[in-house]
Protein backbone atom coordinates (compact mmCIF):
# COMPACT_ATOMS: atom_id res chain seq x y z
CA MET A 1 -19.25 39.64 4.77
CA LEU A 2 -18.73 37.13 7.55
CA ARG A 3 -16.45 38.59 10.27
CA ALA A 4 -13.37 36.42 10.47
CA HIS A 5 -13.31 36.09 14.20
CA ALA A 6 -17.04 34.63 13.94
CA VAL A 7 -15.77 32.09 11.28
CA VAL A 8 -13.12 30.80 13.61
CA ALA A 9 -15.52 30.71 16.60
CA THR A 10 -18.50 28.80 15.16
CA ALA A 11 -19.47 25.94 13.04
CA SER A 12 -22.38 23.35 12.79
CA ALA A 13 -23.25 20.66 10.37
CA ALA A 14 -26.41 18.60 9.69
CA PRO A 15 -25.22 15.32 7.87
CA SER A 16 -27.82 13.14 6.40
CA PRO A 17 -28.81 9.60 7.78
CA LEU A 18 -27.15 8.03 4.83
CA TRP A 19 -23.78 9.75 5.74
CA TYR A 20 -24.05 8.16 9.28
CA ALA A 21 -24.86 4.95 7.79
CA THR A 22 -21.84 5.02 5.46
CA ARG A 23 -19.57 5.91 8.40
CA GLY A 24 -21.08 3.06 10.65
CA ALA A 25 -20.90 0.45 8.09
CA GLY A 26 -17.20 1.35 7.27
CA LEU A 27 -16.30 1.51 10.83
CA ALA A 28 -18.08 -2.01 11.44
CA LEU A 29 -16.45 -3.49 8.32
CA LEU A 30 -12.88 -2.35 9.71
CA LEU A 31 -13.51 -4.23 12.89
CA VAL A 32 -15.06 -7.50 11.23
CA LEU A 33 -12.07 -7.57 8.72
CA THR A 34 -9.65 -7.31 11.57
CA ALA A 35 -11.31 -10.03 13.46
CA THR A 36 -11.51 -12.25 10.38
CA ILE A 37 -7.69 -11.94 9.84
CA VAL A 38 -6.81 -12.47 13.63
CA LEU A 39 -9.25 -15.50 13.82
CA GLY A 40 -7.85 -16.90 10.56
CA ALA A 41 -4.38 -16.59 11.80
CA GLY A 42 -5.44 -18.22 15.14
CA THR A 43 -7.20 -21.14 13.25
CA SER A 44 -4.02 -21.83 11.35
CA LEU A 45 -2.07 -21.92 14.55
CA ARG A 46 -4.82 -24.06 16.23
CA ILE A 47 -5.33 -21.61 19.08
CA GLY A 48 -7.80 -23.00 21.48
CA GLY A 49 -6.35 -26.62 21.53
CA ARG A 50 -8.79 -29.44 22.14
CA SER A 51 -11.07 -27.29 24.22
CA ILE A 52 -12.53 -25.60 21.07
CA PRO A 53 -13.03 -27.98 18.00
CA ARG A 54 -11.32 -26.58 15.00
CA PHE A 55 -14.59 -26.71 12.95
CA VAL A 56 -16.13 -24.15 15.45
CA THR A 57 -13.44 -21.68 14.79
CA ALA A 58 -13.41 -22.34 11.16
CA LEU A 59 -17.21 -21.82 11.06
CA LEU A 60 -16.86 -18.55 13.09
CA HIS A 61 -14.33 -17.43 10.69
CA ARG A 62 -16.42 -18.13 7.48
CA ASN A 63 -19.38 -16.21 9.10
CA LEU A 64 -17.41 -13.35 9.87
CA GLY A 65 -16.31 -13.30 6.24
CA LEU A 66 -19.97 -13.26 5.25
CA LEU A 67 -20.87 -10.58 7.64
CA ALA A 68 -17.96 -8.49 6.08
CA VAL A 69 -19.58 -8.96 2.60
CA VAL A 70 -23.02 -7.82 3.97
CA LEU A 71 -21.46 -4.71 5.67
CA LEU A 72 -19.59 -3.98 2.48
CA ALA A 73 -22.75 -4.02 0.46
CA VAL A 74 -24.36 -1.66 3.02
CA HIS A 75 -21.33 0.66 2.98
CA ILE A 76 -21.37 0.83 -0.83
CA VAL A 77 -25.23 1.31 -1.15
CA THR A 78 -25.34 3.99 1.18
CA THR A 79 -22.33 5.81 -0.16
CA VAL A 80 -24.06 5.73 -3.68
CA LEU A 81 -27.41 6.94 -2.40
CA ASP A 82 -25.80 9.84 -0.28
CA PRO A 83 -25.94 12.75 -2.35
CA PHE A 84 -23.30 14.65 -0.69
CA ALA A 85 -20.33 13.46 -2.53
CA HIS A 86 -21.96 12.41 -5.95
CA ILE A 87 -20.49 8.97 -6.06
CA GLY A 88 -22.13 6.88 -8.67
CA VAL A 89 -22.36 3.11 -9.36
CA ARG A 90 -19.59 3.43 -11.98
CA ASP A 91 -17.25 5.00 -9.32
CA ALA A 92 -17.99 2.28 -6.84
CA LEU A 93 -17.11 -0.29 -9.40
CA VAL A 94 -14.21 1.13 -11.43
CA PRO A 95 -11.17 2.05 -9.34
CA PHE A 96 -9.87 5.72 -9.47
CA SER A 97 -12.62 7.03 -11.73
CA ALA A 98 -14.50 9.20 -9.21
CA SER A 99 -14.21 12.93 -9.09
CA TYR A 100 -14.39 12.74 -5.25
CA ARG A 101 -10.75 12.04 -3.73
CA PRO A 102 -10.30 9.48 -6.50
CA LEU A 103 -7.17 7.86 -5.21
CA TRP A 104 -8.46 7.08 -1.72
CA LEU A 105 -11.78 6.03 -2.96
CA GLY A 106 -10.44 4.06 -5.61
CA MET A 107 -8.40 2.16 -3.06
CA GLY A 108 -11.62 1.22 -1.26
CA THR A 109 -12.93 -0.14 -4.60
CA VAL A 110 -9.97 -2.38 -5.05
CA ALA A 111 -10.19 -3.55 -1.38
CA ALA A 112 -13.82 -4.22 -2.02
CA GLU A 113 -13.27 -6.22 -5.15
CA LEU A 114 -10.52 -8.43 -3.45
CA LEU A 115 -12.90 -9.04 -0.64
CA VAL A 116 -15.73 -10.09 -3.11
CA ALA A 117 -13.34 -12.27 -4.87
CA ILE A 118 -12.44 -14.01 -1.43
CA ALA A 119 -16.00 -14.62 -0.57
CA ALA A 120 -16.80 -15.98 -4.12
CA THR A 121 -13.81 -18.42 -4.14
CA SER A 122 -14.77 -19.59 -0.58
CA LEU A 123 -18.22 -20.62 -1.71
CA LEU A 124 -16.83 -22.29 -4.78
CA ARG A 125 -14.01 -23.88 -2.95
CA ARG A 126 -15.15 -27.74 -3.80
CA TRP A 127 -15.12 -26.81 -7.50
CA ILE A 128 -11.86 -24.60 -7.90
CA GLY A 129 -9.76 -26.79 -5.81
CA ARG A 130 -7.97 -26.14 -2.51
CA ARG A 131 -4.73 -24.53 -4.18
CA THR A 132 -6.53 -21.98 -5.99
CA TRP A 133 -8.77 -21.14 -3.06
CA ARG A 134 -5.56 -20.78 -0.94
CA LEU A 135 -4.00 -18.60 -3.38
CA VAL A 136 -6.82 -16.15 -3.59
CA HIS A 137 -7.55 -16.28 0.12
CA TRP A 138 -4.20 -14.91 0.91
CA THR A 139 -5.22 -11.66 -0.81
CA ALA A 140 -7.18 -10.96 2.42
CA TYR A 141 -3.94 -9.79 3.70
CA ALA A 142 -3.60 -7.45 0.90
CA SER A 143 -7.38 -6.21 0.83
CA TRP A 144 -7.01 -5.29 4.68
CA PRO A 145 -4.30 -2.57 4.50
CA VAL A 146 -5.76 -1.17 1.41
CA ALA A 147 -8.98 -0.89 3.17
CA VAL A 148 -7.34 0.90 6.02
CA VAL A 149 -5.68 3.40 3.84
CA HIS A 150 -9.05 3.93 2.12
CA GLY A 151 -10.80 4.68 5.48
CA LEU A 152 -8.08 7.08 6.55
CA GLY A 153 -8.15 8.82 3.10
CA THR A 154 -11.74 9.35 2.71
CA GLY A 155 -13.12 9.16 6.50
CA SER A 156 -14.25 12.15 8.06
CA ASP A 157 -13.33 10.84 11.62
CA ALA A 158 -9.78 10.10 10.92
CA GLN A 159 -8.67 12.77 13.26
CA ALA A 160 -11.01 11.98 16.16
CA PRO A 161 -9.16 10.36 19.07
CA TRP A 162 -11.85 7.58 19.40
CA MET A 163 -11.15 6.73 15.73
CA ILE A 164 -7.46 6.88 16.15
CA GLY A 165 -7.77 4.50 19.09
CA ILE A 166 -9.77 2.08 17.18
CA THR A 167 -7.70 1.96 13.85
CA ALA A 168 -4.31 1.73 16.07
CA SER A 169 -5.92 -1.30 17.79
CA CYS A 170 -6.97 -2.89 14.67
CA VAL A 171 -3.45 -2.37 12.96
CA THR A 172 -1.81 -3.66 16.06
CA ALA A 173 -3.88 -6.74 16.36
CA ALA A 174 -3.57 -7.63 12.70
CA LEU A 175 0.22 -6.97 12.67
CA PHE A 176 0.52 -9.42 15.70
CA ALA A 177 -1.54 -12.04 14.01
CA VAL A 178 0.36 -11.88 10.73
CA LEU A 179 3.74 -12.02 12.59
CA ALA A 180 2.47 -14.96 14.67
CA ARG A 181 1.28 -16.76 11.60
CA LEU A 182 4.70 -16.25 9.91
CA CYS A 183 6.78 -17.41 12.96
CA ALA A 184 4.64 -20.61 13.20
CA GLY A 185 6.99 -23.36 11.48
CA TRP A 186 9.68 -20.70 11.05
CA ARG A 187 12.23 -23.56 10.01
CA SER A 188 10.26 -23.90 6.88
CA ARG A 189 10.98 -21.25 4.19
CA LEU A 190 12.61 -19.15 6.75
CA PRO A 191 13.98 -16.50 4.17
CA LEU A 192 10.44 -15.98 2.73
CA ARG A 193 8.89 -15.67 6.21
CA LEU A 194 11.52 -13.17 7.24
CA VAL A 195 11.18 -10.97 4.38
CA ALA A 196 7.31 -11.11 4.80
CA GLY A 197 7.50 -10.19 8.37
CA LEU A 198 9.91 -7.19 7.76
CA THR A 199 7.53 -6.10 4.96
CA ALA A 200 4.58 -6.25 7.11
CA THR A 201 6.28 -4.16 9.91
CA ALA A 202 7.77 -1.69 7.45
CA SER A 203 4.29 -1.24 5.98
CA VAL A 204 2.76 -0.44 9.34
CA ALA A 205 5.62 2.13 10.02
CA ALA A 206 5.05 3.67 6.56
CA LEU A 207 1.35 3.91 7.26
CA ALA A 208 1.94 5.64 10.56
CA VAL A 209 4.18 8.28 8.84
CA TRP A 210 1.75 8.86 6.04
CA THR A 211 -1.18 9.15 8.39
CA VAL A 212 0.59 11.95 10.52
CA ASN A 213 1.66 13.67 7.59
CA GLY A 214 -1.49 13.16 5.45
CA PRO A 215 -4.97 12.69 6.93
CA PHE A 216 -4.06 14.08 10.49
CA ARG A 217 -2.96 17.41 8.98
CA PRO A 218 -5.40 20.33 8.70
CA GLY A 219 -6.64 21.01 5.30
CA TRP A 220 -6.51 17.22 4.14
CA ALA A 221 -10.02 17.47 2.48
CA ALA A 222 -8.73 19.85 -0.06
CA VAL A 223 -5.50 18.13 -0.57
CA ALA A 224 -7.08 14.70 -0.85
CA GLY A 225 -9.09 15.73 -3.96
CA THR A 226 -12.42 16.89 -2.70
CA PRO A 227 -14.11 18.75 -5.60
CA ALA A 228 -14.33 22.50 -5.24
CA LYS A 229 -17.98 22.47 -5.71
CA ILE A 230 -18.42 20.51 -2.49
CA LEU A 231 -15.78 22.47 -0.55
CA SER A 232 -17.71 25.55 -1.54
CA PRO A 233 -20.84 25.23 -3.64
CA GLY A 234 -21.15 27.69 -6.42
CA LEU A 235 -17.62 28.64 -6.68
CA PRO A 236 -16.13 28.37 -10.18
CA PRO A 237 -13.68 25.46 -10.80
CA ALA A 238 -9.88 26.21 -10.46
CA SER A 239 -9.55 25.97 -14.44
CA THR A 240 -11.65 29.04 -14.86
CA ALA A 241 -10.69 31.07 -11.88
CA ILE A 242 -8.46 33.95 -12.76
CA PRO A 243 -6.22 35.79 -10.23
CA VAL A 244 -6.62 39.34 -10.01
CA HIS A 245 -2.70 39.74 -9.94
CA ARG A 246 0.05 37.27 -9.80
CA GLY A 247 3.65 37.64 -10.36
CA SER A 248 7.15 38.15 -8.46
CA GLY A 249 5.20 40.72 -6.24
CA GLY A 250 1.92 40.45 -4.48
CA PHE A 251 -1.29 38.67 -5.69
CA SER A 252 -4.93 38.12 -5.13
CA ASP A 253 -6.64 34.71 -5.48
CA GLU A 254 -9.93 33.09 -4.49
CA LEU A 255 -9.91 30.65 -1.65
CA ILE A 256 -12.35 27.74 -0.82
CA GLY A 257 -12.40 25.95 2.39
CA THR A 258 -14.28 24.11 5.19
CA MET A 259 -14.78 24.71 8.87
CA VAL A 260 -14.57 21.61 11.21
CA ARG A 261 -14.30 20.98 15.00
CA ASP A 262 -11.32 19.36 16.36
CA ALA A 263 -11.10 16.84 19.33
CA ALA A 264 -11.30 19.79 21.81
CA GLY A 265 -14.45 21.29 20.28
CA ARG A 266 -12.60 24.26 18.75
CA THR A 267 -13.20 25.33 15.13
CA GLN A 268 -10.70 25.25 12.61
CA VAL A 269 -10.64 26.63 9.18
CA ALA A 270 -8.93 24.90 6.13
CA LEU A 271 -8.67 27.00 3.01
CA ARG A 272 -7.13 26.19 -0.35
CA ASP A 273 -5.77 28.50 -3.15
CA VAL A 274 -8.21 28.06 -6.13
CA VAL A 275 -5.47 29.18 -8.60
CA ASP A 276 -2.51 27.42 -6.78
CA PRO A 277 -3.91 24.32 -5.14
CA ALA A 278 -0.54 23.55 -3.50
CA LEU A 279 -1.01 26.65 -1.48
CA THR A 280 -3.19 26.18 1.62
CA LEU A 281 -3.97 28.07 4.74
CA ASP A 282 -5.03 26.63 8.08
CA VAL A 283 -6.74 28.99 10.77
CA ARG A 284 -7.15 27.91 14.46
CA PRO A 285 -8.36 29.80 17.36
CA PRO A 286 -6.15 30.97 20.01
CA THR A 287 -5.05 28.69 23.02
CA SER A 288 -5.18 29.66 26.47
CA ALA A 289 -1.70 31.20 26.38
CA GLU A 290 -2.35 33.00 23.07
CA THR A 291 -4.46 36.16 22.31
CA LEU A 292 -4.84 35.92 18.53
CA PRO A 293 -5.91 33.22 16.03
CA VAL A 294 -2.91 31.45 14.38
CA VAL A 295 -2.54 31.14 10.45
CA THR A 296 -0.48 28.31 9.11
CA VAL A 297 0.52 28.76 5.53
CA LEU A 298 1.64 25.44 3.74
CA ARG A 299 3.11 24.89 0.44
CA GLY A 300 2.21 21.10 -0.27
CA THR A 301 3.37 19.47 2.87
CA ARG A 302 5.92 22.06 3.71
CA THR A 303 5.10 24.65 6.37
CA VAL A 304 5.92 28.15 5.11
CA CYS A 305 5.02 30.01 8.23
CA ALA A 306 2.66 29.83 11.41
CA VAL A 307 1.96 33.25 12.51
CA PRO A 308 -0.68 35.04 14.74
CA ALA A 309 -3.30 37.10 12.76
CA ARG A 310 -5.45 40.00 13.70
CA ALA A 311 -9.08 39.13 13.29
CA GLY A 312 -11.70 41.89 12.38
CA ALA A 313 -13.52 42.08 9.20
CA SER A 314 -10.70 40.18 7.69
CA LEU A 315 -7.71 38.22 8.93
CA TYR A 316 -4.35 40.16 8.69
CA ALA A 317 -0.90 38.58 9.27
CA VAL A 318 2.78 38.83 8.34
CA CYS A 319 4.49 35.69 6.83
CA GLY A 320 8.12 36.34 6.74
CA THR A 321 8.16 39.65 4.81
CA THR A 322 4.89 39.19 3.09
CA ARG A 323 1.78 40.85 4.43
CA MET A 324 -1.41 39.00 3.79
CA THR A 325 -5.02 39.72 4.25
CA VAL A 326 -7.72 36.87 4.14
CA ALA A 327 -11.40 37.93 3.59
CA LEU A 328 -13.87 35.31 4.37
CA SER A 329 -17.67 34.82 3.64
CA GLY A 330 -20.09 32.04 3.63
CA GLY A 331 -20.64 29.39 6.13
CA PRO A 332 -21.55 27.56 8.39
CA THR A 333 -19.36 24.78 7.15
CA ARG A 334 -18.22 25.68 3.82
CA ILE A 335 -16.61 29.09 2.99
CA ARG A 336 -14.86 30.95 0.28
CA GLY A 337 -12.62 34.04 0.55
CA THR A 338 -9.81 35.98 -1.00
CA LEU A 339 -6.21 36.08 -0.29
CA ASP A 340 -4.20 39.37 -0.94
CA THR A 341 -0.51 39.56 -0.47
CA THR A 342 2.26 42.01 -0.91
CA GLY A 343 4.65 39.23 -2.11
CA PRO A 344 5.15 35.59 -2.86
CA LEU A 345 4.29 32.80 -0.31
CA GLY A 346 6.66 29.79 -0.17
């Protein structure tokens, strides 16, 4: 049995080179897509005046689009080859079909297919006509936010300060570019431009709210749909796990979870109840003003309690009137455990 205080205090990881390649290509793709949108809006607004010929900015815009396709190919190939998440070719082509975070991975597939469609119509522009090309090209504004949500939902660096800064900068730049494009010639189709501008602003606000209450919360890996065999190899799936006791009183359930380091270098533990996946527990080490680790119990997105826990061979805490004991084993990054309570939680 791994002692609980050791679990809270230490963690290590050894990702594969393919994992790093996937992350790097995804981040580079976000930057290039953002630059493409900003440059596209600037080209339409004729930014640069006579000092920069329009064909120069148009050529740079096209080359950035082609670079985005190359980075997309690298991102997909390295993801499929990386054995960690077991993402196959079918998962990369058919949206929402994967077992690994299907919704968020599927959004990446949708964004990728939109980007490929944009690149293909750009190459075939002289044959399909300007009107069709322009209609498909506008989907770039749709593929970009879908790609951002995909990155936040599946990315392992979403909570890192540097990643937050990059994502926020990209969102801000893209929003200002879109609003500037909509404001140009505002007397023409004013109602449509106004609705589009309000929609873009509201979408960014909704993205911020979702990010804070989703990917930025501890335990997101389990909530996002990471398979139990990845969170804790060798643990039986939730459909076959049977609680020792469950009813109006106490219960004993199996837990699966991961250990990660936050921005400050402190180790945190995120656990999910195998029988009741809506029930999650997050364990963090004490701050300088605290003496004990803190256990936060959540029911979905609702916090049931956040209480100090005594750490020994197991974690012991009192949530409201319910006493609970959490025994942990495994490591160093993926763990399993048992939750025993004297009453219901949440």
